[in-house]
Protein backbone atom coordinates (compact mmCIF):
# COMPACT_ATOMS: atom_id res chain seq x y z
CA MET A 1 -30.69 1.80 2.52
CA ALA A 2 -31.17 -0.33 -0.57
CA GLY A 3 -29.19 -3.18 -0.90
CA ARG A 4 -27.48 -2.66 2.61
CA ALA A 5 -26.77 -6.06 4.36
CA ALA A 6 -28.20 -6.72 7.81
CA VAL A 7 -25.53 -9.27 8.74
CA PRO A 8 -21.82 -9.21 7.64
CA GLU A 9 -20.89 -10.31 4.60
CA VAL A 10 -18.09 -10.28 2.00
CA ILE A 11 -18.79 -8.42 -1.35
CA TRP A 12 -16.88 -10.93 -3.19
CA ALA A 13 -19.40 -13.48 -1.89
CA ARG A 14 -22.46 -11.67 -3.08
CA PRO A 15 -23.88 -11.46 -6.67
CA GLU A 16 -22.76 -8.94 -8.73
CA ARG A 17 -26.09 -7.23 -8.38
CA THR A 18 -28.95 -8.08 -5.94
CA GLY A 19 -32.48 -8.56 -7.03
CA ARG A 20 -34.36 -9.42 -10.60
CA GLY A 21 -34.57 -7.42 -13.56
CA PRO A 22 -32.83 -6.03 -16.48
CA LYS A 23 -29.08 -6.49 -17.18
CA PRO A 24 -26.96 -4.40 -14.55
CA ALA A 25 -25.94 -1.25 -16.38
CA PHE A 26 -22.37 -1.65 -14.55
CA THR A 27 -20.02 -4.16 -13.50
CA ARG A 28 -18.12 -4.01 -10.25
CA ALA A 29 -14.95 -3.36 -12.61
CA ASP A 30 -16.69 -0.36 -13.96
CA ILE A 31 -17.36 0.93 -10.33
CA ALA A 32 -13.91 0.36 -9.10
CA ALA A 33 -12.39 1.86 -12.27
CA ALA A 34 -14.54 5.15 -11.60
CA ALA A 35 -13.57 5.14 -7.62
CA VAL A 36 -10.01 4.85 -8.49
CA ARG A 37 -10.08 7.57 -11.23
CA ILE A 38 -11.64 9.88 -8.38
CA ALA A 39 -9.05 8.95 -5.91
CA ASP A 40 -6.16 9.16 -8.16
CA GLU A 41 -7.18 12.99 -9.28
CA ARG A 42 -8.82 14.14 -5.99
CA GLY A 43 -7.62 11.92 -3.27
CA LEU A 44 -9.57 9.27 -1.06
CA ASP A 45 -11.68 11.87 0.51
CA ALA A 46 -13.51 12.59 -2.46
CA VAL A 47 -14.59 9.10 -2.84
CA SER A 48 -17.95 8.70 -2.05
CA MET A 49 -21.05 6.90 -3.40
CA ARG A 50 -22.54 10.38 -4.71
CA HIS A 51 -19.31 11.09 -6.55
CA VAL A 52 -18.69 7.76 -7.89
CA ALA A 53 -22.44 7.89 -9.03
CA ALA A 54 -21.88 10.97 -10.85
CA GLU A 55 -18.97 9.66 -12.50
CA LEU A 56 -20.81 6.60 -13.87
CA GLY A 57 -23.91 8.68 -14.69
CA CYS A 58 -26.33 7.11 -12.45
CA GLY A 59 -28.34 7.97 -9.25
CA THR A 60 -26.58 7.43 -5.97
CA MET A 61 -29.23 5.37 -4.84
CA SER A 62 -28.88 2.89 -7.55
CA LEU A 63 -25.20 2.44 -6.54
CA TYR A 64 -26.03 0.75 -3.55
CA ASN A 65 -27.55 -2.21 -5.28
CA TYR A 66 -24.23 -3.17 -6.78
CA VAL A 67 -21.99 -1.95 -3.68
CA PRO A 68 -24.15 -2.19 -0.09
CA ARG A 69 -21.30 0.16 1.49
CA LYS A 70 -18.58 2.51 1.19
CA GLU A 71 -16.06 -0.13 2.80
CA ASP A 72 -17.05 -2.48 -0.04
CA LEU A 73 -16.22 0.41 -2.50
CA TYR A 74 -12.81 0.59 -0.87
CA GLU A 75 -12.61 -3.14 -1.31
CA LEU A 76 -13.19 -3.10 -4.98
CA MET A 77 -10.48 -0.29 -5.34
CA ILE A 78 -7.75 -2.12 -3.71
CA ASP A 79 -8.71 -5.38 -6.04
CA ALA A 80 -8.52 -3.20 -8.85
CA ILE A 81 -5.14 -1.80 -8.38
CA GLY A 82 -3.95 -5.12 -7.36
CA ALA A 83 -4.34 -6.26 -11.04
CA GLU A 84 -1.09 -4.34 -11.59
CA HIS A 85 1.07 -6.56 -9.73
CA GLU A 86 3.50 -8.19 -12.17
CA LEU A 87 2.97 -12.09 -11.59
CA PHE A 88 6.23 -13.28 -12.75
CA GLU A 89 7.67 -16.72 -13.25
CA PRO A 90 9.76 -17.29 -9.92
CA THR A 91 13.25 -17.77 -10.70
CA GLY A 92 14.39 -19.77 -7.64
CA ASP A 93 16.07 -17.09 -5.86
CA TRP A 94 13.57 -16.25 -3.16
CA ARG A 95 15.31 -13.07 -1.83
CA ALA A 96 15.20 -11.36 -5.09
CA ASP A 97 12.05 -12.35 -6.34
CA MET A 98 10.38 -10.89 -2.69
CA LEU A 99 12.59 -7.71 -3.38
CA ARG A 100 11.18 -7.27 -6.87
CA ASN A 101 7.59 -7.79 -5.59
CA ALA A 102 8.37 -5.40 -2.95
CA GLU A 103 9.39 -2.68 -5.31
CA ASP A 104 6.28 -3.44 -7.80
CA THR A 105 4.14 -2.92 -4.88
CA ARG A 106 5.82 0.51 -3.83
CA ALA A 107 5.46 1.45 -7.40
CA ILE A 108 1.79 0.57 -7.61
CA MET A 109 1.22 2.88 -4.27
CA ARG A 110 3.01 5.72 -5.76
CA ARG A 111 0.64 5.45 -8.87
CA HIS A 112 -2.05 5.44 -6.35
CA THR A 113 -0.90 7.77 -3.55
CA TRP A 114 -4.06 6.67 -1.83
CA ALA A 115 -3.49 3.20 -1.28
CA PRO A 116 -1.50 3.09 1.83
CA ARG A 117 -4.29 4.47 3.50
CA LEU A 118 -6.21 1.14 2.82
CA MET A 119 -3.69 -1.24 3.08
CA ALA A 120 -5.28 -3.14 6.05
CA GLY A 121 -6.01 -6.68 6.39
CA VAL A 122 -9.83 -6.19 6.05
CA TYR A 123 -8.97 -5.32 2.30
CA GLY A 124 -6.72 -8.48 1.97
CA PHE A 125 -9.15 -11.14 0.51
CA SER A 126 -9.97 -10.07 -2.88
CA PRO A 127 -9.38 -12.09 -5.81
CA ASN A 128 -6.34 -10.22 -7.20
CA THR A 129 -5.02 -9.86 -3.81
CA LEU A 130 -5.32 -13.68 -3.28
CA ARG A 131 -3.58 -13.95 -6.60
CA TYR A 132 -0.57 -11.98 -5.49
CA LEU A 133 -0.49 -13.82 -2.26
CA GLU A 134 -0.43 -17.08 -3.91
CA HIS A 135 2.36 -15.55 -6.14
CA CYS A 136 4.59 -14.31 -3.23
CA LEU A 137 4.50 -18.07 -1.82
CA ALA A 138 5.45 -19.35 -5.14
CA CYS A 139 8.36 -17.29 -5.03
CA LEU A 140 9.07 -18.46 -1.41
CA GLU A 141 8.85 -22.18 -2.38
CA PRO A 142 12.69 -22.61 -2.06
CA LEU A 143 12.72 -21.17 1.52
CA ASP A 144 12.86 -24.18 3.87
CA VAL A 145 10.64 -22.65 6.87
CA PRO A 146 6.75 -23.34 7.53
CA ALA A 147 3.81 -21.75 5.48
CA GLY A 148 2.66 -19.66 8.49
CA THR A 149 6.24 -18.28 8.54
CA LYS A 150 6.11 -17.50 5.06
CA THR A 151 2.66 -15.72 5.38
CA GLU A 152 4.63 -13.69 8.18
CA LEU A 153 7.35 -12.90 5.89
CA ILE A 154 4.93 -11.52 3.45
CA ALA A 155 3.14 -9.38 5.66
CA LEU A 156 6.27 -7.94 7.32
CA LEU A 157 7.92 -7.08 4.00
CA ASN A 158 4.60 -5.56 2.87
CA GLY A 159 4.35 -3.31 6.14
CA VAL A 160 7.82 -1.86 5.50
CA VAL A 161 6.97 -1.24 1.99
CA THR A 162 3.61 0.43 3.14
CA THR A 163 5.16 2.68 5.91
CA TYR A 164 8.00 3.87 3.76
CA THR A 165 5.92 4.77 0.84
CA ALA A 166 3.12 6.42 2.96
CA ASN A 167 6.21 8.44 4.50
CA ASP A 168 7.58 9.19 0.95
CA ILE A 169 3.84 10.39 -0.19
CA ALA A 170 3.24 12.35 2.96
CA THR A 171 6.56 14.34 2.48
CA VAL A 172 5.79 15.14 -1.26
CA GLU A 173 2.42 16.42 -0.35
CA ARG A 174 3.42 18.31 2.40
CA THR A 175 6.35 19.96 0.11
CA ARG A 176 3.77 20.86 -2.15
CA ALA A 177 1.51 22.85 0.38
CA MET A 178 4.98 25.03 1.60
CA PRO A 179 4.99 28.45 0.43
CA TRP A 180 8.86 28.03 0.44
CA SER A 181 11.44 25.57 -1.07
CA VAL A 182 12.44 22.24 0.36
CA ALA A 183 15.90 23.71 0.60
CA GLU A 184 14.94 26.31 2.65
CA GLU A 185 12.91 24.07 5.07
CA ASN A 186 15.80 21.76 5.47
CA ALA A 187 18.18 24.44 6.12
CA VAL A 188 16.04 25.94 9.02
CA ARG A 189 15.51 22.53 10.45
CA MET A 190 19.22 21.34 10.18
CA ALA A 191 20.15 24.75 11.98
CA TYR A 192 17.52 24.14 14.85
CA LEU A 193 18.95 20.35 15.06
CA GLY A 194 22.36 21.49 15.17
CA SER A 195 21.64 24.04 17.99
CA GLN A 196 20.12 21.67 20.19
CA VAL A 197 22.76 19.00 19.61
CA ALA A 198 25.49 21.34 20.24
CA THR A 199 24.05 22.19 23.75
CA GLY A 200 25.80 18.69 24.77
CA ALA A 201 22.11 17.31 26.15
CA TYR A 202 22.20 14.82 23.44
CA PRO A 203 25.68 13.46 23.22
CA ARG A 204 24.62 10.05 21.62
CA LEU A 205 22.46 11.61 18.96
CA ALA A 206 25.47 13.98 18.30
CA ALA A 207 27.62 10.97 18.07
CA ALA A 208 25.17 9.35 15.48
CA PHE A 209 25.49 12.81 13.59
CA MET A 210 28.99 12.62 13.55
CA GLU A 211 29.21 9.27 11.51
CA GLN A 212 26.93 10.81 8.64
CA SER A 213 29.25 11.45 5.81
CA GLY A 214 26.56 13.39 3.85
CA PRO A 215 22.83 13.53 2.91
CA VAL A 216 21.03 10.40 3.89
CA ASP A 217 20.68 7.85 0.72
CA LEU A 218 16.70 7.21 1.27
CA GLU A 219 16.72 4.57 -1.38
CA ALA A 220 19.49 2.91 0.48
CA VAL A 221 17.73 2.97 3.75
CA PHE A 222 14.60 1.85 2.03
CA ARG A 223 16.63 -1.37 0.57
CA ARG A 224 18.35 -2.11 3.72
CA ALA A 225 14.98 -2.33 5.67
CA LEU A 226 13.89 -4.81 2.98
CA GLU A 227 16.96 -6.85 3.51
CA ARG A 228 16.86 -6.97 7.21
CA VAL A 229 13.22 -8.46 7.18
CA LEU A 230 14.61 -10.97 4.82
CA ASP A 231 17.38 -11.81 6.84
CA ALA A 232 15.21 -12.33 9.76
CA PHE A 233 13.77 -15.33 7.83
CA ASP A 234 16.85 -16.72 5.96
CA PRO A 235 18.24 -19.71 7.73
CA ASP A 236 21.50 -19.27 5.45
CA PHE A 237 21.83 -15.93 7.28
CA ARG A 238 21.08 -16.94 10.73
CA LYS A 239 23.95 -19.74 10.45
CA LYS A 240 26.61 -17.13 9.75
CA PRO A 241 29.05 -16.45 12.39
């Protein structure tokens, strides 16, 4: 296949286009933008070399001269949306800054609902991702822990954001596919759950439900999850009696 590497390589380390000849018709940014548009409109499964080539108005085989593998295309996509991060000036309050970064990341994933599926380490070394990681480390400058511990904090916080956001997106997509309302679905499920708890077979679960005073505030749960990650790395929190 044209342009396909016979050995492992990072797309950012290779020229924009292989071979000699006229000026390339497209940039990587053009290709990434086309792929992101397709994913935003039709979902990640619709992203293929053929569909991206059609979006750009070129032949599928010619696209391989720019992007050797579909995995490289995914990496371009993650880098493209990584440019949406707000790289603000750190305030000196590392906890507040990292919470702001987490909310920013969630907003990006909500705009591009396919993104959580690609949030793996293999796509974590693109230029915009590296800029974001450098920004996070700048935000963590006041935190007196080793640099390796700071990178663990960033990874864990990002993992929580990705997990929660992916669940939110899956819930919304499932709701759209249901032939009944969310209220009807929840009513049936809660009735079944109540009937099972009432059997007495799940006393601890029953006690947990009794403590709930009303509907769960999912935003508050998300915020507490973020705070607990930060607590685990906060020397001042660990000193509290």
